[in-house]
Protein backbone atom coordinates (compact mmCIF):
# COMPACT_ATOMS: atom_id res chain seq x y z
CA MET A 1 66.29 -62.81 -16.58
CA THR A 2 69.85 -63.62 -15.48
CA GLY A 3 70.88 -60.00 -16.06
CA VAL A 4 68.00 -58.77 -13.91
CA LEU A 5 69.04 -61.06 -11.06
CA VAL A 6 72.66 -59.93 -11.35
CA ALA A 7 71.59 -56.30 -11.09
CA ALA A 8 69.23 -57.11 -8.21
CA ARG A 9 71.92 -59.01 -6.31
CA ARG A 10 74.28 -56.06 -6.69
CA ASP A 11 71.75 -53.67 -5.17
CA VAL A 12 70.72 -56.05 -2.40
CA SER A 13 74.40 -56.28 -1.44
CA ALA A 14 74.54 -52.49 -1.38
CA TYR A 15 71.59 -52.38 1.03
CA LEU A 16 73.15 -55.04 3.26
CA ASN A 17 76.62 -53.50 3.26
CA SER A 18 75.48 -50.02 4.26
CA MET A 19 73.61 -48.74 7.30
CA TRP A 20 71.01 -46.98 5.15
CA GLY A 21 68.80 -50.02 4.58
CA TYR A 22 69.01 -51.13 8.22
CA VAL A 23 68.20 -47.63 9.48
CA ILE A 24 65.14 -47.35 7.25
CA VAL A 25 63.82 -50.79 8.20
CA ALA A 26 64.37 -50.16 11.92
CA ALA A 27 62.88 -46.66 11.82
CA VAL A 28 59.78 -47.74 9.89
CA LEU A 29 59.19 -50.77 12.14
CA LEU A 30 59.52 -48.52 15.18
CA LEU A 31 57.11 -45.98 13.71
CA ASP A 32 54.66 -48.74 12.80
CA GLY A 33 54.79 -50.08 16.35
CA ILE A 34 54.24 -46.64 17.89
CA LEU A 35 51.27 -45.86 15.63
CA PHE A 36 49.80 -49.32 16.23
CA ASN A 37 49.96 -48.97 20.00
CA ALA A 38 48.85 -45.34 20.06
CA PHE A 39 45.92 -45.46 17.65
CA ALA A 40 44.97 -49.04 16.74
CA LEU A 41 45.24 -50.59 20.22
CA THR A 42 43.20 -48.46 22.61
CA ASP A 43 41.65 -48.92 26.03
CA THR A 44 38.20 -48.87 24.45
CA PRO A 45 36.90 -52.30 23.36
CA ARG A 46 36.86 -52.55 19.56
CA TYR A 47 36.18 -55.14 16.92
CA SER A 48 39.29 -56.91 15.63
CA ALA A 49 38.38 -55.92 12.06
CA ASP A 50 38.44 -52.23 13.04
CA VAL A 51 41.85 -52.61 14.72
CA LEU A 52 43.25 -54.33 11.63
CA ARG A 53 41.78 -51.66 9.39
CA ASP A 54 43.54 -48.94 11.37
CA PHE A 55 46.78 -50.95 11.32
CA PHE A 56 46.74 -51.16 7.52
CA TYR A 57 45.73 -47.50 7.32
CA PHE A 58 48.90 -46.39 9.13
CA SER A 59 51.03 -49.03 7.42
CA PHE A 60 50.02 -47.58 4.06
CA GLY A 61 51.78 -44.33 4.94
CA THR A 62 54.91 -45.93 6.38
CA THR A 63 55.18 -48.26 3.38
CA ALA A 64 55.02 -45.33 0.96
CA ILE A 65 57.66 -43.43 2.95
CA ALA A 66 59.96 -46.45 3.14
CA SER A 67 59.67 -47.01 -0.62
CA ILE A 68 60.80 -43.47 -1.41
CA LEU A 69 63.66 -43.57 1.10
CA LEU A 70 64.90 -46.94 -0.15
CA THR A 71 64.93 -45.87 -3.79
CA MET A 72 66.22 -42.30 -3.48
CA ARG A 73 69.77 -43.66 -3.84
CA SER A 74 69.07 -46.02 -6.77
CA PHE A 75 70.56 -43.90 -9.55
CA ALA A 76 71.29 -40.59 -7.82
CA GLU A 77 73.99 -42.16 -5.63
CA GLU A 78 75.47 -43.93 -8.66
CA ARG A 79 76.01 -40.52 -10.28
CA GLN A 80 77.39 -38.92 -7.12
CA THR A 81 79.90 -41.71 -6.50
CA GLY A 82 80.81 -42.15 -10.17
CA THR A 83 79.72 -45.79 -10.36
CA MET A 84 77.14 -44.95 -13.02
CA VAL A 85 79.95 -45.45 -15.53
CA LEU A 86 80.21 -49.09 -14.45
CA LEU A 87 76.49 -49.60 -15.05
CA ASP A 88 76.74 -48.01 -18.49
CA ALA A 89 79.66 -50.29 -19.36
CA ALA A 90 78.00 -53.44 -18.01
CA PRO A 91 76.51 -55.90 -20.53
CA LEU A 92 73.03 -55.15 -19.22
CA SER A 93 70.14 -53.40 -20.94
CA ASP A 94 68.39 -50.43 -19.40
CA VAL A 95 65.36 -52.61 -18.70
CA GLN A 96 67.48 -55.16 -16.83
CA ILE A 97 69.14 -52.47 -14.72
CA VAL A 98 65.83 -50.84 -13.78
CA LEU A 99 64.12 -54.15 -13.03
CA GLY A 100 67.12 -55.27 -10.97
CA LYS A 101 66.96 -52.14 -8.82
CA PHE A 102 63.19 -52.55 -8.52
CA LEU A 103 63.46 -56.17 -7.37
CA ALA A 104 66.20 -55.32 -4.87
CA ALA A 105 64.17 -52.53 -3.29
CA MET A 106 61.06 -54.73 -3.24
CA ALA A 107 63.00 -57.52 -1.52
CA VAL A 108 63.99 -55.17 1.31
CA LEU A 109 60.47 -53.73 1.44
CA ALA A 110 58.95 -57.23 1.60
CA VAL A 111 61.17 -58.10 4.57
CA LEU A 112 60.13 -54.86 6.25
CA THR A 113 56.44 -55.54 5.59
CA LEU A 114 56.64 -59.11 6.91
CA GLY A 115 58.37 -57.74 10.00
CA THR A 116 55.07 -56.16 11.04
CA ALA A 117 53.25 -59.52 11.09
CA TYR A 118 53.43 -59.66 14.87
CA MET A 119 50.93 -56.78 15.09
CA PRO A 120 47.97 -58.66 13.54
CA ALA A 121 49.09 -61.62 15.66
CA LEU A 122 48.71 -59.48 18.79
CA VAL A 123 45.17 -58.64 17.70
CA GLY A 124 44.46 -62.36 17.46
CA VAL A 125 45.50 -62.88 21.09
CA ASN A 126 42.49 -61.00 22.42
CA GLY A 127 40.19 -61.17 19.43
CA LYS A 128 39.24 -63.07 16.33
CA VAL A 129 41.39 -62.23 13.31
CA SER A 130 40.10 -62.70 9.79
CA PHE A 131 42.89 -64.24 7.74
CA GLY A 132 41.18 -62.97 4.62
CA GLN A 133 41.48 -59.38 5.84
CA VAL A 134 45.12 -59.92 6.85
CA PHE A 135 45.98 -61.43 3.46
CA ALA A 136 44.17 -58.68 1.54
CA GLY A 137 45.76 -55.97 3.67
CA TYR A 138 49.29 -57.26 3.18
CA LEU A 139 48.71 -57.77 -0.54
CA GLY A 140 47.57 -54.16 -0.71
CA LEU A 141 50.68 -52.98 1.15
CA LEU A 142 52.97 -54.85 -1.26
CA LEU A 143 51.11 -53.42 -4.27
CA VAL A 144 51.34 -49.90 -2.84
CA GLY A 145 55.01 -50.53 -2.10
CA ALA A 146 55.60 -51.66 -5.69
CA ALA A 147 53.93 -48.55 -7.10
CA CYS A 148 55.80 -46.16 -4.78
CA THR A 149 59.08 -48.01 -5.39
CA ALA A 150 58.62 -47.53 -9.14
CA VAL A 151 57.93 -43.83 -8.54
CA GLY A 152 61.05 -43.55 -6.38
CA ILE A 153 63.24 -45.24 -8.98
CA PHE A 154 61.95 -42.87 -11.65
CA ALA A 155 62.63 -39.86 -9.41
CA SER A 156 66.15 -41.12 -8.72
CA SER A 157 66.76 -41.65 -12.44
CA VAL A 158 66.07 -37.99 -13.26
CA ALA A 159 67.53 -36.39 -10.11
CA ARG A 160 71.12 -35.21 -9.81
CA ASN A 161 71.32 -35.95 -6.07
CA GLN A 162 69.59 -38.09 -3.48
CA VAL A 163 67.81 -35.25 -1.70
CA PHE A 164 66.16 -34.05 -4.88
CA ALA A 165 65.24 -37.64 -5.73
CA ALA A 166 63.48 -38.02 -2.37
CA VAL A 167 61.68 -34.69 -2.74
CA LEU A 168 60.56 -35.44 -6.30
CA GLY A 169 59.42 -38.96 -5.43
CA ALA A 170 57.52 -37.70 -2.39
CA ALA A 171 55.90 -34.94 -4.47
CA ILE A 172 54.62 -37.46 -7.03
CA VAL A 173 53.25 -39.73 -4.30
CA VAL A 174 51.56 -36.80 -2.53
CA PHE A 175 49.99 -35.72 -5.81
CA LEU A 176 48.62 -39.23 -6.35
CA LEU A 177 47.32 -39.21 -2.78
CA THR A 178 45.47 -35.92 -3.19
CA THR A 179 43.87 -36.40 -6.61
CA TRP A 180 40.62 -37.37 -4.86
CA MET A 181 40.48 -33.83 -3.43
CA LEU A 182 40.97 -32.36 -6.89
CA SER A 183 38.23 -34.62 -8.25
CA ARG A 184 35.72 -32.99 -5.90
CA VAL A 185 36.18 -29.60 -7.55
CA SER A 186 36.46 -30.88 -11.12
CA ASP A 187 33.89 -31.60 -13.78
CA PRO A 188 33.39 -34.86 -15.70
CA PRO A 189 35.23 -36.59 -17.28
CA LEU A 190 38.24 -35.13 -15.41
CA LYS A 191 36.42 -35.77 -12.14
CA GLU A 192 36.30 -39.54 -12.76
CA ILE A 193 39.90 -39.65 -13.99
CA LEU A 194 41.27 -37.86 -10.92
CA ALA A 195 39.17 -40.00 -8.59
CA TYR A 196 40.51 -43.17 -10.21
CA MET A 197 44.09 -41.93 -9.90
CA SER A 198 43.84 -41.68 -6.10
CA LEU A 199 46.59 -43.85 -4.61
CA PHE A 200 44.71 -44.41 -1.36
CA ASP A 201 41.08 -43.31 -1.31
CA LYS A 202 39.89 -45.11 -4.43
CA HIS A 203 41.97 -48.27 -4.30
CA PHE A 204 43.45 -49.08 -0.88
CA ARG A 205 40.32 -48.88 1.24
CA GLY A 206 39.11 -52.18 -0.17
CA PHE A 207 42.32 -53.95 0.90
CA MET A 208 42.00 -52.44 4.39
CA ASN A 209 38.57 -54.00 4.75
CA GLY A 210 39.58 -57.40 3.38
CA ARG A 211 38.44 -56.95 -0.23
CA ILE A 212 40.69 -57.67 -3.21
CA GLU A 213 39.36 -55.73 -6.19
CA VAL A 214 40.67 -56.44 -9.66
CA GLN A 215 40.59 -52.80 -10.72
CA SER A 216 42.81 -51.83 -7.78
CA VAL A 217 45.33 -54.60 -8.55
CA VAL A 218 45.39 -53.43 -12.18
CA TYR A 219 45.81 -49.80 -11.07
CA TYR A 220 48.85 -50.47 -8.88
CA GLY A 221 50.34 -52.80 -11.48
CA THR A 222 49.86 -50.22 -14.24
CA LEU A 223 51.34 -47.45 -12.10
CA SER A 224 54.40 -49.58 -11.41
CA TYR A 225 54.81 -50.43 -15.09
CA VAL A 226 54.47 -46.82 -16.26
CA PHE A 227 57.09 -45.41 -13.91
CA LEU A 228 59.52 -48.27 -14.50
CA MET A 229 59.12 -47.76 -18.24
CA LEU A 230 59.76 -44.02 -17.80
CA SER A 231 62.91 -44.85 -15.86
CA THR A 232 64.25 -46.97 -18.72
CA ARG A 233 63.54 -44.11 -21.13
CA VAL A 234 65.45 -41.67 -18.93
CA LEU A 235 68.44 -44.04 -18.82
CA ALA A 236 68.34 -44.48 -22.57
CA LEU A 237 68.34 -40.70 -23.12
CA ARG A 238 71.28 -40.23 -20.74
CA ARG A 239 73.31 -42.87 -22.59
CA TRP A 240 72.93 -40.93 -25.83
CA ARG A 241 74.04 -37.63 -24.33
């Protein structure tokens, strides 16, 4: 566990000592605010639950984007700058390195996510906010962020540069977002499998509406585990080359 924290602290310092992390957090918070004011808060009277649902709907997309942008540099930048040699020489296992980078990215993402808390608070000024819906929605955002962060780390582990890492990570996320469309033109049992794989349609809608479903928590947790495990395998293969 100490090794994981050492690796995480190293990456958190990298985020804090460069403008990249600040730019992403600022840009995503700005985009969240614009979308919230343009689409969630309207001149037409609406139920608070509907406003919150729309807020989490848009925050899903910005969270996924932020996760990919934060992780595109995880390993790809290490290779470009030549610091990957230092990681290989460090007394840390591949699992510790991957988990450290995952925790560092999640720490930044958690700060970003909590930075949007004023938006549900604004809804509560003129309406009645359900704390259960707020809690479920934010839990869903963190789970989505964890899954997309794991995808981004995997993409960065196989990519030779940061741009390709971002493109590959985004492509995987888009595929997981659109599997529900593929399920509509597929036959069983592939139909059920593709529907279950949907990153948003099958699993996040419950969180938007204030429901915490065990199968959705398991799905996001499994997705995170699979891509983090694949990242450790990629690192192990590169060490032996």
